[in-house]
Amino acid sequence: MAVMEISVVPVGTCNPCVSEYVSYAYKLLKEKGYYFQLTAMGVIVQGDVEELLQLALEIHRRPFEKGALRVMTTIRIDERKDTDLTVEGKLKKLKKAL
Protein backbone atom coordinates (compact mmCIF):
# COMPACT_ATOMS: atom_id res chain seq x y z
CA MET A 1 0.00 0.00 0.00
CA ALA A 2 1.07 3.58 -0.62
CA VAL A 3 0.19 6.99 0.77
CA MET A 4 -0.20 9.95 -1.59
CA GLU A 5 -0.46 13.62 -0.81
CA ILE A 6 -1.96 15.67 -3.64
CA SER A 7 -2.57 19.37 -3.98
CA VAL A 8 -4.39 20.80 -7.00
CA VAL A 9 -4.41 24.52 -7.72
CA PRO A 10 -6.75 25.79 -10.44
CA VAL A 11 -5.43 28.88 -12.20
CA GLY A 12 -7.23 31.13 -14.65
CA THR A 13 -10.52 31.21 -12.80
CA CYS A 14 -12.70 34.27 -12.24
CA ASN A 15 -12.48 33.93 -8.47
CA PRO A 16 -9.44 33.64 -6.16
CA CYS A 17 -11.46 31.28 -3.92
CA VAL A 18 -10.93 27.64 -4.94
CA SER A 19 -13.28 25.87 -2.52
CA GLU A 20 -15.68 25.04 -5.37
CA TYR A 21 -12.92 23.09 -7.09
CA VAL A 22 -11.72 21.43 -3.89
CA SER A 23 -15.22 20.25 -3.04
CA TYR A 24 -15.58 18.80 -6.55
CA ALA A 25 -12.41 16.71 -6.04
CA TYR A 26 -13.60 15.76 -2.54
CA LYS A 27 -16.82 14.36 -3.99
CA LEU A 28 -14.79 12.17 -6.36
CA LEU A 29 -12.85 10.67 -3.44
CA LYS A 30 -16.08 10.01 -1.53
CA GLU A 31 -17.72 8.39 -4.58
CA LYS A 32 -14.74 6.10 -5.14
CA GLY A 33 -14.63 5.06 -1.47
CA TYR A 34 -10.98 5.88 -0.76
CA TYR A 35 -9.66 6.36 2.77
CA PHE A 36 -8.45 9.96 2.80
CA GLN A 37 -7.79 12.93 5.01
CA LEU A 38 -8.59 16.42 3.81
CA THR A 39 -6.07 19.05 4.93
CA ALA A 40 -5.94 22.80 4.55
CA MET A 41 -3.47 22.46 1.67
CA GLY A 42 -4.50 19.25 -0.07
CA VAL A 43 -5.58 15.70 0.58
CA ILE A 44 -3.81 12.56 1.79
CA VAL A 45 -5.12 9.28 0.41
CA GLN A 46 -3.95 5.69 0.71
CA GLY A 47 -4.20 2.78 -1.69
CA ASP A 48 -2.40 0.76 -4.31
CA VAL A 49 0.22 2.93 -6.04
CA GLU A 50 -1.11 2.26 -9.54
CA GLU A 51 -4.62 3.19 -8.45
CA LEU A 52 -3.33 6.32 -6.71
CA LEU A 53 -1.56 7.46 -9.86
CA GLN A 54 -4.76 7.02 -11.86
CA LEU A 55 -6.70 8.81 -9.14
CA ALA A 56 -4.19 11.69 -9.24
CA LEU A 57 -4.88 12.11 -12.95
CA GLU A 58 -8.64 12.18 -12.34
CA ILE A 59 -8.27 14.70 -9.52
CA HIS A 60 -5.95 16.84 -11.67
CA ARG A 61 -8.55 16.98 -14.45
CA ARG A 62 -11.52 17.87 -12.22
CA PRO A 63 -10.94 21.66 -12.21
CA PHE A 64 -10.96 21.71 -16.02
CA GLU A 65 -14.48 20.26 -15.88
CA LYS A 66 -15.47 23.29 -13.78
CA GLY A 67 -13.96 25.80 -16.20
CA ALA A 68 -10.40 26.29 -14.95
CA LEU A 69 -8.04 27.25 -17.75
CA ARG A 70 -4.88 25.96 -16.06
CA VAL A 71 -4.21 23.48 -13.27
CA MET A 72 -1.04 23.00 -11.26
CA THR A 73 -0.80 19.71 -9.36
CA THR A 74 1.76 18.59 -6.80
CA ILE A 75 1.96 14.91 -5.83
CA ARG A 76 4.07 13.15 -3.21
CA ILE A 77 3.93 9.37 -2.86
CA ASP A 78 5.32 7.25 -0.03
CA GLU A 79 5.48 3.54 -0.87
CA ARG A 80 7.17 0.81 1.14
CA LYS A 81 7.77 -2.82 0.26
CA ASP A 82 9.03 -3.96 3.67
CA THR A 83 5.91 -3.21 5.72
CA ASP A 84 2.24 -2.28 5.41
CA LEU A 85 1.97 1.48 5.03
CA THR A 86 -1.13 3.40 6.10
CA VAL A 87 -1.92 6.98 7.05
CA GLU A 88 -2.94 5.90 10.55
CA GLY A 89 0.23 3.83 10.96
CA LYS A 90 2.44 6.75 9.97
CA LEU A 91 0.66 9.03 12.46
CA LYS A 92 0.83 6.43 15.22
CA LYS A 93 4.61 6.08 14.81
CA LEU A 94 5.06 9.83 14.80
CA LYS A 95 2.98 10.30 17.95
CA LYS A 96 4.96 7.54 19.66
CA ALA A 97 8.21 9.33 18.83
CA LEU A 98 6.87 12.60 20.23
PDB file of N, CA and C in Angstrom:
ATOM      1  N   MET A   1       0.845  -1.182   0.000  1.00  0.00           N
ATOM      2  CA  MET A   1       0.000   0.000   0.000  1.00  0.00           C
ATOM      3  C   MET A   1       0.883   1.235   0.000  1.00  0.00           C
ATOM      4  N   ALA A   2       0.352   2.315  -0.546  1.00  0.00           N
ATOM      5  CA  ALA A   2       1.069   3.583  -0.616  1.00  0.00           C
ATOM      6  C   ALA A   2       0.200   4.698  -0.047  1.00  0.00           C
ATOM      7  N   VAL A   3       0.857   5.790   0.289  1.00  0.00           N
ATOM      8  CA  VAL A   3       0.192   6.994   0.768  1.00  0.00           C
ATOM      9  C   VAL A   3       0.572   8.125  -0.181  1.00  0.00           C
ATOM     10  N   MET A   4      -0.439   8.852  -0.657  1.00  0.00           N
ATOM     11  CA  MET A   4      -0.201   9.949  -1.588  1.00  0.00           C
ATOM     12  C   MET A   4      -0.768  11.241  -1.012  1.00  0.00           C
ATOM     13  N   GLU A   5       0.023  12.285  -1.133  1.00  0.00           N
ATOM     14  CA  GLU A   5      -0.459  13.624  -0.815  1.00  0.00           C
ATOM     15  C   GLU A   5      -0.589  14.360  -2.138  1.00  0.00           C
ATOM     16  N   ILE A   6      -1.737  14.955  -2.383  1.00  0.00           N
ATOM     17  CA  ILE A   6      -1.964  15.666  -3.641  1.00  0.00           C
ATOM     18  C   ILE A   6      -2.578  17.024  -3.357  1.00  0.00           C
ATOM     19  N   SER A   7      -2.062  18.014  -4.075  1.00  0.00           N
ATOM     20  CA  SER A   7      -2.570  19.374  -3.979  1.00  0.00           C
ATOM     21  C   SER A   7      -2.809  19.870  -5.396  1.00  0.00           C
ATOM     22  N   VAL A   8      -4.016  20.329  -5.673  1.00  0.00           N
ATOM     23  CA  VAL A   8      -4.386  20.798  -7.001  1.00  0.00           C
ATOM     24  C   VAL A   8      -4.768  22.272  -6.893  1.00  0.00           C
ATOM     25  N   VAL A   9      -4.150  23.091  -7.738  1.00  0.00           N
ATOM     26  CA  VAL A   9      -4.408  24.523  -7.723  1.00  0.00           C
ATOM     27  C   VAL A   9      -4.932  24.950  -9.091  1.00  0.00           C
ATOM     28  N   PRO A  10      -6.232  25.275  -9.182  1.00  0.00           N
ATOM     29  CA  PRO A  10      -6.753  25.793 -10.443  1.00  0.00           C
ATOM     30  C   PRO A  10      -6.310  27.234 -10.645  1.00  0.00           C
ATOM     31  N   VAL A  11      -5.885  27.541 -11.853  1.00  0.00           N
ATOM     32  CA  VAL A  11      -5.426  28.879 -12.202  1.00  0.00           C
ATOM     33  C   VAL A  11      -6.270  29.348 -13.390  1.00  0.00           C
ATOM     34  N   GLY A  12      -6.450  30.621 -13.525  1.00  0.00           N
ATOM     35  CA  GLY A  12      -7.227  31.128 -14.650  1.00  0.00           C
ATOM     36  C   GLY A  12      -8.718  31.026 -14.397  1.00  0.00           C
ATOM     37  N   THR A  13      -9.097  31.201 -13.138  1.00  0.00           N
ATOM     38  CA  THR A  13     -10.518  31.215 -12.796  1.00  0.00           C
ATOM     39  C   THR A  13     -10.928  32.664 -12.531  1.00  0.00           C
ATOM     40  N   CYS A  14     -12.191  32.907 -12.482  1.00  0.00           N
ATOM     41  CA  CYS A  14     -12.698  34.268 -12.242  1.00  0.00           C
ATOM     42  C   CYS A  14     -12.657  34.664 -10.774  1.00  0.00           C
ATOM     43  N   ASN A  15     -12.390  33.695  -9.904  1.00  0.00           N
ATOM     44  CA  ASN A  15     -12.484  33.926  -8.473  1.00  0.00           C
ATOM     45  C   ASN A  15     -11.231  33.395  -7.782  1.00  0.00           C
ATOM     46  N   PRO A  16     -10.620  34.148  -6.865  1.00  0.00           N
ATOM     47  CA  PRO A  16      -9.443  33.644  -6.162  1.00  0.00           C
ATOM     48  C   PRO A  16      -9.775  32.512  -5.181  1.00  0.00           C
ATOM     49  N   CYS A  17     -11.030  32.364  -4.811  1.00  0.00           N
ATOM     50  CA  CYS A  17     -11.460  31.285  -3.921  1.00  0.00           C
ATOM     51  C   CYS A  17     -11.542  29.985  -4.723  1.00  0.00           C
ATOM     52  N   VAL A  18     -10.950  28.910  -4.206  1.00  0.00           N
ATOM     53  CA  VAL A  18     -10.930  27.643  -4.943  1.00  0.00           C
ATOM     54  C   VAL A  18     -11.753  26.544  -4.263  1.00  0.00           C
ATOM     55  N   SER A  19     -12.527  26.893  -3.257  1.00  0.00           N
ATOM     56  CA  SER A  19     -13.277  25.872  -2.517  1.00  0.00           C
ATOM     57  C   SER A  19     -14.243  25.101  -3.409  1.00  0.00           C
ATOM     58  N   GLU A  20     -14.786  25.735  -4.442  1.00  0.00           N
ATOM     59  CA  GLU A  20     -15.682  25.045  -5.372  1.00  0.00           C
ATOM     60  C   GLU A  20     -14.953  23.886  -6.060  1.00  0.00           C
ATOM     61  N   TYR A  21     -13.703  24.113  -6.416  1.00  0.00           N
ATOM     62  CA  TYR A  21     -12.916  23.087  -7.095  1.00  0.00           C
ATOM     63  C   TYR A  21     -12.479  21.992  -6.123  1.00  0.00           C
ATOM     64  N   VAL A  22     -12.123  22.397  -4.914  1.00  0.00           N
ATOM     65  CA  VAL A  22     -11.722  21.430  -3.894  1.00  0.00           C
ATOM     66  C   VAL A  22     -12.890  20.515  -3.549  1.00  0.00           C
ATOM     67  N   SER A  23     -14.065  21.072  -3.395  1.00  0.00           N
ATOM     68  CA  SER A  23     -15.223  20.253  -3.044  1.00  0.00           C
ATOM     69  C   SER A  23     -15.576  19.287  -4.174  1.00  0.00           C
ATOM     70  N   TYR A  24     -15.320  19.669  -5.399  1.00  0.00           N
ATOM     71  CA  TYR A  24     -15.578  18.797  -6.549  1.00  0.00           C
ATOM     72  C   TYR A  24     -14.630  17.593  -6.528  1.00  0.00           C
ATOM     73  N   ALA A  25     -13.370  17.820  -6.180  1.00  0.00           N
ATOM     74  CA  ALA A  25     -12.410  16.711  -6.045  1.00  0.00           C
ATOM     75  C   ALA A  25     -12.765  15.848  -4.833  1.00  0.00           C
ATOM     76  N   TYR A  26     -13.190  16.484  -3.745  1.00  0.00           N
ATOM     77  CA  TYR A  26     -13.598  15.762  -2.537  1.00  0.00           C
ATOM     78  C   TYR A  26     -14.728  14.783  -2.852  1.00  0.00           C
ATOM     79  N   LYS A  27     -15.695  15.222  -3.629  1.00  0.00           N
ATOM     80  CA  LYS A  27     -16.825  14.362  -3.990  1.00  0.00           C
ATOM     81  C   LYS A  27     -16.354  13.134  -4.773  1.00  0.00           C
ATOM     82  N   LEU A  28     -15.346  13.301  -5.616  1.00  0.00           N
ATOM     83  CA  LEU A  28     -14.787  12.172  -6.362  1.00  0.00           C
ATOM     84  C   LEU A  28     -14.198  11.137  -5.407  1.00  0.00           C
ATOM     85  N   LEU A  29     -13.459  11.581  -4.419  1.00  0.00           N
ATOM     86  CA  LEU A  29     -12.854  10.666  -3.440  1.00  0.00           C
ATOM     87  C   LEU A  29     -13.940   9.929  -2.656  1.00  0.00           C
ATOM     88  N   LYS A  30     -14.979  10.641  -2.261  1.00  0.00           N
ATOM     89  CA  LYS A  30     -16.083  10.010  -1.528  1.00  0.00           C
ATOM     90  C   LYS A  30     -16.781   8.966  -2.398  1.00  0.00           C
ATOM     91  N   GLU A  31     -17.039   9.309  -3.655  1.00  0.00           N
ATOM     92  CA  GLU A  31     -17.722   8.395  -4.576  1.00  0.00           C
ATOM     93  C   GLU A  31     -16.919   7.116  -4.782  1.00  0.00           C
ATOM     94  N   LYS A  32     -15.607   7.250  -4.865  1.00  0.00           N
ATOM     95  CA  LYS A  32     -14.745   6.102  -5.138  1.00  0.00           C
ATOM     96  C   LYS A  32     -14.445   5.278  -3.878  1.00  0.00           C
ATOM     97  N   GLY A  33     -14.778   5.809  -2.712  1.00  0.00           N
ATOM     98  CA  GLY A  33     -14.631   5.059  -1.466  1.00  0.00           C
ATOM     99  C   GLY A  33     -13.217   4.962  -0.920  1.00  0.00           C
ATOM    100  N   TYR A  34     -12.354   5.893  -1.267  1.00  0.00           N
ATOM    101  CA  TYR A  34     -10.980   5.876  -0.759  1.00  0.00           C
ATOM    102  C   TYR A  34     -10.932   6.342   0.687  1.00  0.00           C
ATOM    103  N   TYR A  35      -9.956   5.817   1.445  1.00  0.00           N
ATOM    104  CA  TYR A  35      -9.664   6.361   2.772  1.00  0.00           C
ATOM    105  C   TYR A  35      -8.795   7.587   2.526  1.00  0.00           C
ATOM    106  N   PHE A  36      -9.231   8.742   3.007  1.00  0.00           N
ATOM    107  CA  PHE A  36      -8.454   9.961   2.797  1.00  0.00           C
ATOM    108  C   PHE A  36      -8.650  10.928   3.942  1.00  0.00           C
ATOM    109  N   GLN A  37      -7.707  11.851   4.033  1.00  0.00           N
ATOM    110  CA  GLN A  37      -7.788  12.932   5.010  1.00  0.00           C
ATOM    111  C   GLN A  37      -7.647  14.249   4.267  1.00  0.00           C
ATOM    112  N   LEU A  38      -8.634  15.092   4.397  1.00  0.00           N
ATOM    113  CA  LEU A  38      -8.592  16.416   3.808  1.00  0.00           C
ATOM    114  C   LEU A  38      -7.776  17.321   4.722  1.00  0.00           C
ATOM    115  N   THR A  39      -6.860  18.096   4.155  1.00  0.00           N
ATOM    116  CA  THR A  39      -6.068  19.046   4.928  1.00  0.00           C
ATOM    117  C   THR A  39      -6.315  20.445   4.367  1.00  0.00           C
ATOM    118  N   ALA A  40      -5.766  21.427   5.007  1.00  0.00           N
ATOM    119  CA  ALA A  40      -5.943  22.801   4.552  1.00  0.00           C
ATOM    120  C   ALA A  40      -5.242  23.071   3.217  1.00  0.00           C
ATOM    121  N   MET A  41      -4.267  22.227   2.872  1.00  0.00           N
ATOM    122  CA  MET A  41      -3.473  22.464   1.667  1.00  0.00           C
ATOM    123  C   MET A  41      -3.564  21.362   0.628  1.00  0.00           C
ATOM    124  N   GLY A  42      -4.385  20.355   0.868  1.00  0.00           N
ATOM    125  CA  GLY A  42      -4.496  19.245  -0.072  1.00  0.00           C
ATOM    126  C   GLY A  42      -5.239  18.082   0.548  1.00  0.00           C
ATOM    127  N   VAL A  43      -4.942  16.899   0.058  1.00  0.00           N
ATOM    128  CA  VAL A  43      -5.578  15.698   0.580  1.00  0.00           C
ATOM    129  C   VAL A  43      -4.528  14.584   0.640  1.00  0.00           C
ATOM    130  N   ILE A  44      -4.663  13.730   1.640  1.00  0.00           N
ATOM    131  CA  ILE A  44      -3.810  12.557   1.792  1.00  0.00           C
ATOM    132  C   ILE A  44      -4.708  11.351   1.606  1.00  0.00           C
ATOM    133  N   VAL A  45      -4.300  10.447   0.733  1.00  0.00           N
ATOM    134  CA  VAL A  45      -5.119   9.278   0.405  1.00  0.00           C
ATOM    135  C   VAL A  45      -4.214   8.052   0.348  1.00  0.00           C
ATOM    136  N   GLN A  46      -4.747   6.915   0.748  1.00  0.00           N
ATOM    137  CA  GLN A  46      -3.951   5.686   0.715  1.00  0.00           C
ATOM    138  C   GLN A  46      -4.583   4.669  -0.210  1.00  0.00           C
ATOM    139  N   GLY A  47      -3.723   3.816  -0.788  1.00  0.00           N
ATOM    140  CA  GLY A  47      -4.200   2.778  -1.688  1.00  0.00           C
ATOM    141  C   GLY A  47      -3.047   2.174  -2.458  1.00  0.00           C
ATOM    142  N   ASP A  48      -3.378   1.356  -3.428  1.00  0.00           N
ATOM    143  CA  ASP A  48      -2.396   0.757  -4.314  1.00  0.00           C
ATOM    144  C   ASP A  48      -1.770   1.862  -5.168  1.00  0.00           C
ATOM    145  N   VAL A  49      -0.459   1.821  -5.363  1.00  0.00           N
ATOM    146  CA  VAL A  49       0.223   2.929  -6.035  1.00  0.00           C
ATOM    147  C   VAL A  49      -0.286   3.146  -7.462  1.00  0.00           C
ATOM    148  N   GLU A  50      -0.586   2.083  -8.189  1.00  0.00           N
ATOM    149  CA  GLU A  50      -1.107   2.258  -9.544  1.00  0.00           C
ATOM    150  C   GLU A  50      -2.463   2.939  -9.528  1.00  0.00           C
ATOM    151  N   GLU A  51      -3.308   2.556  -8.582  1.00  0.00           N
ATOM    152  CA  GLU A  51      -4.617   3.194  -8.452  1.00  0.00           C
ATOM    153  C   GLU A  51      -4.481   4.657  -8.044  1.00  0.00           C
ATOM    154  N   LEU A  52      -3.533   4.935  -7.151  1.00  0.00           N
ATOM    155  CA  LEU A  52      -3.334   6.316  -6.712  1.00  0.00           C
ATOM    156  C   LEU A  52      -2.869   7.205  -7.859  1.00  0.00           C
ATOM    157  N   LEU A  53      -2.009   6.676  -8.713  1.00  0.00           N
ATOM    158  CA  LEU A  53      -1.558   7.464  -9.860  1.00  0.00           C
ATOM    159  C   LEU A  53      -2.717   7.762 -10.812  1.00  0.00           C
ATOM    160  N   GLN A  54      -3.578   6.799 -11.028  1.00  0.00           N
ATOM    161  CA  GLN A  54      -4.756   7.022 -11.864  1.00  0.00           C
ATOM    162  C   GLN A  54      -5.700   8.025 -11.200  1.00  0.00           C
ATOM    163  N   LEU A  55      -5.863   7.883  -9.899  1.00  0.00           N
ATOM    164  CA  LEU A  55      -6.701   8.812  -9.141  1.00  0.00           C
ATOM    165  C   LEU A  55      -6.145  10.236  -9.228  1.00  0.00           C
ATOM    166  N   ALA A  56      -4.819  10.376  -9.144  1.00  0.00           N
ATOM    167  CA  ALA A  56      -4.194  11.690  -9.238  1.00  0.00           C
ATOM    168  C   ALA A  56      -4.528  12.346 -10.573  1.00  0.00           C
ATOM    169  N   LEU A  57      -4.523  11.576 -11.636  1.00  0.00           N
ATOM    170  CA  LEU A  57      -4.877  12.108 -12.953  1.00  0.00           C
ATOM    171  C   LEU A  57      -6.330  12.578 -12.969  1.00  0.00           C
ATOM    172  N   GLU A  58      -7.217  11.791 -12.386  1.00  0.00           N
ATOM    173  CA  GLU A  58      -8.636  12.176 -12.337  1.00  0.00           C
ATOM    174  C   GLU A  58      -8.833  13.443 -11.519  1.00  0.00           C
ATOM    175  N   ILE A  59      -8.155  13.520 -10.372  1.00  0.00           N
ATOM    176  CA  ILE A  59      -8.271  14.705  -9.519  1.00  0.00           C
ATOM    177  C   ILE A  59      -7.706  15.928 -10.241  1.00  0.00           C
ATOM    178  N   HIS A  60      -6.583  15.747 -10.926  1.00  0.00           N
ATOM    179  CA  HIS A  60      -5.955  16.838 -11.672  1.00  0.00           C
ATOM    180  C   HIS A  60      -6.905  17.399 -12.730  1.00  0.00           C
ATOM    181  N   ARG A  61      -7.664  16.543 -13.362  1.00  0.00           N
ATOM    182  CA  ARG A  61      -8.551  16.976 -14.451  1.00  0.00           C
ATOM    183  C   ARG A  61      -9.870  17.585 -13.972  1.00  0.00           C
ATOM    184  N   ARG A  62     -10.230  17.375 -12.718  1.00  0.00           N
ATOM    185  CA  ARG A  62     -11.518  17.867 -12.220  1.00  0.00           C
ATOM    186  C   ARG A  62     -11.709  19.378 -12.389  1.00  0.00           C
ATOM    187  N   PRO A  63     -10.713  20.213 -12.056  1.00  0.00           N
ATOM    188  CA  PRO A  63     -10.938  21.656 -12.207  1.00  0.00           C
ATOM    189  C   PRO A  63     -11.225  22.087 -13.646  1.00  0.00           C
ATOM    190  N   PHE A  64     -10.668  21.378 -14.629  1.00  0.00           N
ATOM    191  CA  PHE A  64     -10.963  21.711 -16.023  1.00  0.00           C
ATOM    192  C   PHE A  64     -12.450  21.520 -16.317  1.00  0.00           C
ATOM    193  N   GLU A  65     -13.051  20.513 -15.693  1.00  0.00           N
ATOM    194  CA  GLU A  65     -14.480  20.262 -15.879  1.00  0.00           C
ATOM    195  C   GLU A  65     -15.328  21.410 -15.329  1.00  0.00           C
ATOM    196  N   LYS A  66     -14.763  22.153 -14.382  1.00  0.00           N
ATOM    197  CA  LYS A  66     -15.466  23.286 -13.778  1.00  0.00           C
ATOM    198  C   LYS A  66     -15.081  24.618 -14.415  1.00  0.00           C
ATOM    199  N   GLY A  67     -14.272  24.575 -15.480  1.00  0.00           N
ATOM    200  CA  GLY A  67     -13.957  25.796 -16.198  1.00  0.00           C
ATOM    201  C   GLY A  67     -12.581  26.389 -15.974  1.00  0.00           C
ATOM    202  N   ALA A  68     -11.754  25.772 -15.139  1.00  0.00           N
ATOM    203  CA  ALA A  68     -10.396  26.295 -14.946  1.00  0.00           C
ATOM    204  C   ALA A  68      -9.640  26.216 -16.268  1.00  0.00           C
ATOM    205  N   LEU A  69      -8.807  27.213 -16.511  1.00  0.00           N
ATOM    206  CA  LEU A  69      -8.037  27.253 -17.746  1.00  0.00           C
ATOM    207  C   LEU A  69      -6.650  26.634 -17.592  1.00  0.00           C
ATOM    208  N   ARG A  70      -6.198  26.529 -16.350  1.00  0.00           N
ATOM    209  CA  ARG A  70      -4.876  25.961 -16.062  1.00  0.00           C
ATOM    210  C   ARG A  70      -4.940  25.312 -14.697  1.00  0.00           C
ATOM    211  N   VAL A  71      -4.230  24.201 -14.542  1.00  0.00           N
ATOM    212  CA  VAL A  71      -4.215  23.480 -13.268  1.00  0.00           C
ATOM    213  C   VAL A  71      -2.782  23.076 -12.945  1.00  0.00           C
ATOM    214  N   MET A  72      -2.361  23.402 -11.730  1.00  0.00           N
ATOM    215  CA  MET A  72      -1.036  22.999 -11.262  1.00  0.00           C
ATOM    216  C   MET A  72      -1.226  21.976 -10.148  1.00  0.00           C
ATOM    217  N   THR A  73      -0.621  20.808 -10.309  1.00  0.00           N
ATOM    218  CA  THR A  73      -0.801  19.714  -9.362  1.00  0.00           C
ATOM    219  C   THR A  73       0.539  19.279  -8.795  1.00  0.00           C
ATOM    220  N   THR A  74       0.574  19.104  -7.481  1.00  0.00           N
ATOM    221  CA  THR A  74       1.757  18.594  -6.801  1.00  0.00           C
ATOM    222  C   THR A  74       1.387  17.269  -6.145  1.00  0.00           C
ATOM    223  N   ILE A  75       2.221  16.249  -6.371  1.00  0.00           N
ATOM    224  CA  ILE A  75       1.963  14.910  -5.830  1.00  0.00           C
ATOM    225  C   ILE A  75       3.213  14.418  -5.106  1.00  0.00           C
ATOM    226  N   ARG A  76       2.997  13.853  -3.921  1.00  0.00           N
ATOM    227  CA  ARG A  76       4.073  13.151  -3.208  1.00  0.00           C
ATOM    228  C   ARG A  76       3.547  11.766  -2.869  1.00  0.00           C
ATOM    229  N   ILE A  77       4.344  10.754  -3.132  1.00  0.00           N
ATOM    230  CA  ILE A  77       3.927   9.372  -2.860  1.00  0.00           C
ATOM    231  C   ILE A  77       4.962   8.708  -1.967  1.00  0.00           C
ATOM    232  N   ASP A  78       4.484   8.045  -0.932  1.00  0.00           N
ATOM    233  CA  ASP A  78       5.318   7.254  -0.030  1.00  0.00           C
ATOM    234  C   ASP A  78       4.882   5.803  -0.191  1.00  0.00           C
ATOM    235  N   GLU A  79       5.784   4.964  -0.676  1.00  0.00           N
ATOM    236  CA  GLU A  79       5.476   3.540  -0.866  1.00  0.00           C
ATOM    237  C   GLU A  79       6.583   2.715  -0.244  1.00  0.00           C
ATOM    238  N   ARG A  80       6.195   1.709   0.520  1.00  0.00           N
ATOM    239  CA  ARG A  80       7.169   0.805   1.136  1.00  0.00           C
ATOM    240  C   ARG A  80       6.866  -0.620   0.724  1.00  0.00           C
ATOM    241  N   LYS A  81       7.916  -1.403   0.601  1.00  0.00           N
ATOM    242  CA  LYS A  81       7.775  -2.821   0.257  1.00  0.00           C
ATOM    243  C   LYS A  81       8.053  -3.719   1.457  1.00  0.00           C
ATOM    244  N   ASP A  82       8.631  -3.152   2.524  1.00  0.00           N
ATOM    245  CA  ASP A  82       9.029  -3.964   3.671  1.00  0.00           C
ATOM    246  C   ASP A  82       7.975  -4.053   4.769  1.00  0.00           C
ATOM    247  N   THR A  83       6.943  -3.210   4.693  1.00  0.00           N
ATOM    248  CA  THR A  83       5.905  -3.212   5.723  1.00  0.00           C
ATOM    249  C   THR A  83       4.628  -2.609   5.158  1.00  0.00           C
ATOM    250  N   ASP A  84       3.515  -2.859   5.821  1.00  0.00           N
ATOM    251  CA  ASP A  84       2.236  -2.283   5.408  1.00  0.00           C
ATOM    252  C   ASP A  84       2.226  -0.803   5.778  1.00  0.00           C
ATOM    253  N   LEU A  85       1.928   0.042   4.836  1.00  0.00           N
ATOM    254  CA  LEU A  85       1.972   1.484   5.031  1.00  0.00           C
ATOM    255  C   LEU A  85       0.560   2.050   4.983  1.00  0.00           C
ATOM    256  N   THR A  86       0.166   2.740   6.059  1.00  0.00           N
ATOM    257  CA  THR A  86      -1.131   3.396   6.103  1.00  0.00           C
ATOM    258  C   THR A  86      -0.967   4.787   6.712  1.00  0.00           C
ATOM    259  N   VAL A  87      -1.935   5.640   6.465  1.00  0.00           N
ATOM    260  CA  VAL A  87      -1.920   6.979   7.048  1.00  0.00           C
ATOM    261  C   VAL A  87      -1.939   6.871   8.571  1.00  0.00           C
ATOM    262  N   GLU A  88      -2.825   6.051   9.094  1.00  0.00           N
ATOM    263  CA  GLU A  88      -2.936   5.902  10.550  1.00  0.00           C
ATOM    264  C   GLU A  88      -1.649   5.350  11.160  1.00  0.00           C
ATOM    265  N   GLY A  89      -1.023   4.398  10.475  1.00  0.00           N
ATOM    266  CA  GLY A  89       0.228   3.827  10.958  1.00  0.00           C
ATOM    267  C   GLY A  89       1.341   4.855  11.014  1.00  0.00           C
ATOM    268  N   LYS A  90       1.422   5.696   9.997  1.00  0.00           N
ATOM    269  CA  LYS A  90       2.436   6.748   9.971  1.00  0.00           C
ATOM    270  C   LYS A  90       2.208   7.721  11.122  1.00  0.00           C
ATOM    271  N   LEU A  91       0.959   8.113  11.372  1.00  0.00           N
ATOM    272  CA  LEU A  91       0.658   9.025  12.460  1.00  0.00           C
ATOM    273  C   LEU A  91       0.933   8.405  13.817  1.00  0.00           C
ATOM    274  N   LYS A  92       0.608   7.132  13.953  1.00  0.00           N
ATOM    275  CA  LYS A  92       0.830   6.434  15.220  1.00  0.00           C
ATOM    276  C   LYS A  92       2.329   6.397  15.557  1.00  0.00           C
ATOM    277  N   LYS A  93       3.159   6.107  14.568  1.00  0.00           N
ATOM    278  CA  LYS A  93       4.613   6.078  14.806  1.00  0.00           C
ATOM    279  C   LYS A  93       5.136   7.460  15.155  1.00  0.00           C
ATOM    280  N   LEU A  94       4.625   8.481  14.501  1.00  0.00           N
ATOM    281  CA  LEU A  94       5.059   9.835  14.800  1.00  0.00           C
ATOM    282  C   LEU A  94       4.671  10.230  16.217  1.00  0.00           C
ATOM    283  N   LYS A  95       3.439   9.962  16.600  1.00  0.00           N
ATOM    284  CA  LYS A  95       2.979  10.304  17.954  1.00  0.00           C
ATOM    285  C   LYS A  95       3.777   9.558  19.006  1.00  0.00           C
ATOM    286  N   LYS A  96       4.158   8.320  18.730  1.00  0.00           N
ATOM    287  CA  LYS A  96       4.961   7.538  19.658  1.00  0.00           C
ATOM    288  C   LYS A  96       6.341   8.186  19.843  1.00  0.00           C
ATOM    289  N   ALA A  97       6.885   8.688  18.755  1.00  0.00           N
ATOM    290  CA  ALA A  97       8.206   9.331  18.831  1.00  0.00           C
ATOM    291  C   ALA A  97       8.162  10.675  19.553  1.00  0.00           C
ATOM    292  N   LEU A  98       6.996  11.310  19.557  1.00  0.00           N
ATOM    293  CA  LEU A  98       6.866  12.601  20.230  1.00  0.00           C
ATOM    294  C   LEU A  98       6.771  12.402  21.738  1.00  0.00           C
TER     295      LEU A  98
END
